[in-house]
Structure formats: C-alpha cells, structure tokens
Protein backbone atom coordinates (compact mmCIF):
# COMPACT_ATOMS: atom_id res chain seq x y z
CA MET A 1 117.34 101.27 11.81
CA LEU A 2 115.34 100.19 14.86
CA ILE A 3 117.93 101.46 17.34
CA GLU A 4 118.06 104.78 15.50
CA ALA A 5 114.26 105.10 15.66
CA VAL A 6 114.29 104.24 19.36
CA VAL A 7 117.04 106.81 20.01
CA VAL A 8 114.82 109.52 18.51
CA VAL A 9 111.80 108.41 20.56
CA ALA A 10 113.94 108.35 23.73
CA ALA A 11 115.36 111.84 23.24
CA ASP A 12 114.29 114.77 25.39
CA ALA A 13 111.60 116.93 23.85
CA SER A 14 114.11 119.73 23.22
CA ALA A 15 116.41 117.37 21.30
CA GLN A 16 113.43 116.05 19.34
CA LEU A 17 112.42 119.59 18.43
CA THR A 18 115.93 120.34 17.20
CA TRP A 19 115.93 117.09 15.19
CA LEU A 20 112.52 117.88 13.65
CA GLY A 21 113.68 121.38 12.74
CA LYS A 22 116.89 120.14 11.18
CA TYR A 23 115.01 117.85 8.83
CA ASP A 24 111.90 120.03 8.52
CA VAL A 25 109.51 117.22 9.41
CA PRO A 26 106.44 117.17 11.69
CA PRO A 27 106.37 115.35 15.06
CA ASP A 28 104.44 112.41 13.69
CA GLU A 29 107.57 111.48 11.73
CA ILE A 30 109.07 110.25 15.01
CA ALA A 31 106.23 107.75 15.37
CA LEU A 32 106.22 106.86 11.67
CA SER A 33 109.95 106.13 11.68
CA PHE A 34 109.51 103.96 14.74
CA ASP A 35 106.60 102.15 13.10
CA ASP A 36 108.63 101.39 9.98
CA ALA A 37 111.52 100.02 12.01
CA PHE A 38 109.34 98.20 14.56
CA ARG A 39 108.07 95.89 11.83
CA LEU A 40 111.55 94.33 11.84
CA ALA A 41 111.71 93.75 15.62
CA GLU A 42 110.73 90.07 15.68
CA ARG A 43 113.20 89.25 12.94
CA LEU A 44 115.99 91.17 14.66
CA VAL A 45 115.36 89.21 17.86
CA GLU A 46 115.39 85.92 15.92
CA ASP A 47 118.68 86.94 14.32
CA GLY A 48 120.17 87.72 17.74
CA GLN A 49 120.53 91.44 17.05
CA PHE A 50 118.15 92.39 19.88
CA ARG A 51 117.40 90.81 23.23
CA ARG A 52 114.04 89.07 23.43
CA GLY A 53 113.41 90.94 26.67
CA VAL A 54 113.03 94.27 24.87
CA LEU A 55 110.12 93.12 22.71
CA PRO A 56 107.46 93.93 25.32
CA SER A 57 108.73 97.51 25.65
CA LEU A 58 108.93 97.90 21.87
CA ARG A 59 105.36 96.62 21.57
CA MET A 60 104.23 99.05 24.26
CA ILE A 61 105.81 101.97 22.37
CA ASP A 62 103.90 100.82 19.30
CA GLU A 63 100.69 100.65 21.36
CA VAL A 64 101.23 104.16 22.75
CA PHE A 65 101.64 105.57 19.25
CA SER A 66 98.64 103.56 18.00
CA GLU A 67 96.47 104.94 20.80
CA MET A 68 97.66 108.45 20.03
CA THR A 69 96.79 107.94 16.37
CA GLN A 70 93.30 106.73 17.20
CA ASP A 71 92.67 109.74 19.43
CA THR A 72 90.86 112.52 17.58
CA ASP A 73 92.90 115.20 19.39
CA VAL A 74 95.33 116.36 16.71
CA GLY A 75 97.03 118.46 19.38
CA ARG A 76 98.90 115.33 20.42
CA TRP A 77 100.96 115.61 17.24
CA THR A 78 102.19 119.17 17.68
CA ARG A 79 105.68 120.28 18.60
CA GLU A 80 104.34 121.57 21.92
CA ALA A 81 102.87 118.17 22.75
CA LEU A 82 106.32 116.58 22.72
CA SER A 83 106.95 118.07 26.14
CA THR A 84 103.42 118.04 27.56
CA ASP A 85 101.52 115.01 26.26
CA PRO A 86 101.58 111.93 28.51
CA GLY A 87 101.76 109.63 25.48
CA TRP A 88 105.01 111.17 24.33
CA GLY A 89 106.33 110.90 27.87
CA ARG A 90 105.40 107.23 28.12
CA ALA A 91 106.92 106.40 24.72
CA ARG A 92 110.09 108.26 25.73
CA GLN A 93 110.36 106.32 29.00
CA LEU A 94 109.86 102.96 27.28
CA ALA A 95 112.39 103.83 24.58
CA ARG A 96 114.96 104.69 27.21
CA GLU A 97 114.35 101.31 28.87
CA VAL A 98 115.00 99.58 25.54
CA LEU A 99 118.24 101.49 25.01
CA THR A 100 119.42 100.70 28.53
CA ALA A 101 118.64 97.00 28.08
CA GLU A 102 120.50 96.97 24.77
CA GLY A 103 123.47 98.90 26.16
CA GLU A 104 122.92 101.70 23.64
CA GLU A 105 123.43 105.43 24.05
CA THR A 106 120.59 107.93 23.93
CA SER A 107 122.53 110.36 21.78
CA PRO A 108 123.51 111.62 19.35
CA LEU A 109 120.31 111.54 17.37
CA PRO A 110 120.75 109.80 14.03
CA GLY A 111 120.54 111.36 10.61
CA PHE A 112 117.38 111.13 8.60
CA ARG A 113 116.84 110.66 4.88
CA ILE A 114 113.92 112.39 3.30
CA ILE A 115 112.62 111.21 -0.02
CA ARG A 116 110.38 113.78 -1.62
C-alpha cells in the first residue's frame, strides 16, 4: 500500500491527472492516500519490508503535504497545481528518491478502490 501511494506521488503531473480522471477523485486524494499508507512506514521498516534509509524522505513527503494543507491557498489542491506548485514538485522528487532506494518502478500507477 505504501509503495503504491509513493508511486502515485512520484508520477509526472500528466500521469497523475490521468489517474485522477480515471477514478474521478480530486488531487488531494494523492496526499490522503499517501497519508493513510505513511502511518504504516515505521512498522514496515521494523518488519524489514522497507529500508530504514527511506524514512527521512517519507517523513519529508508527509511534511510537504502537511505544509500544503496548512496553507490557506486552496489553489495548491487543483489539477493545474500538480504541474506548477513547488510543493507537488518537491513531493514528487522525494517520492522518486524513495522508489529508487527501494528498487521500485515509477509506473504503472496502481489501481484505486473507492468506497462511497
């Protein structure tokens, strides 16, 4: 679940837009999915499923999204912002570092289950 969330964060803005459209979800779902999965990071490291060295990058992604959430500019959570906002760019860069360290691919983007 965590790798899948990181793959979506790491994707190019155009791939993220396609993914969002396919599942008809807003951009903040990328951050929310990461947040849900990130809560398991420490445990996954303890269980040997992730390298300890990726924890700082995972924490920094979480911090980027937290800062974006605290910002009153709702424009940061638009589809357009995926390609223009520095926060999205920073999260994307960090996510790619995590995937590289873990030897994981950046695509294809995973499926997504929506419970409504």
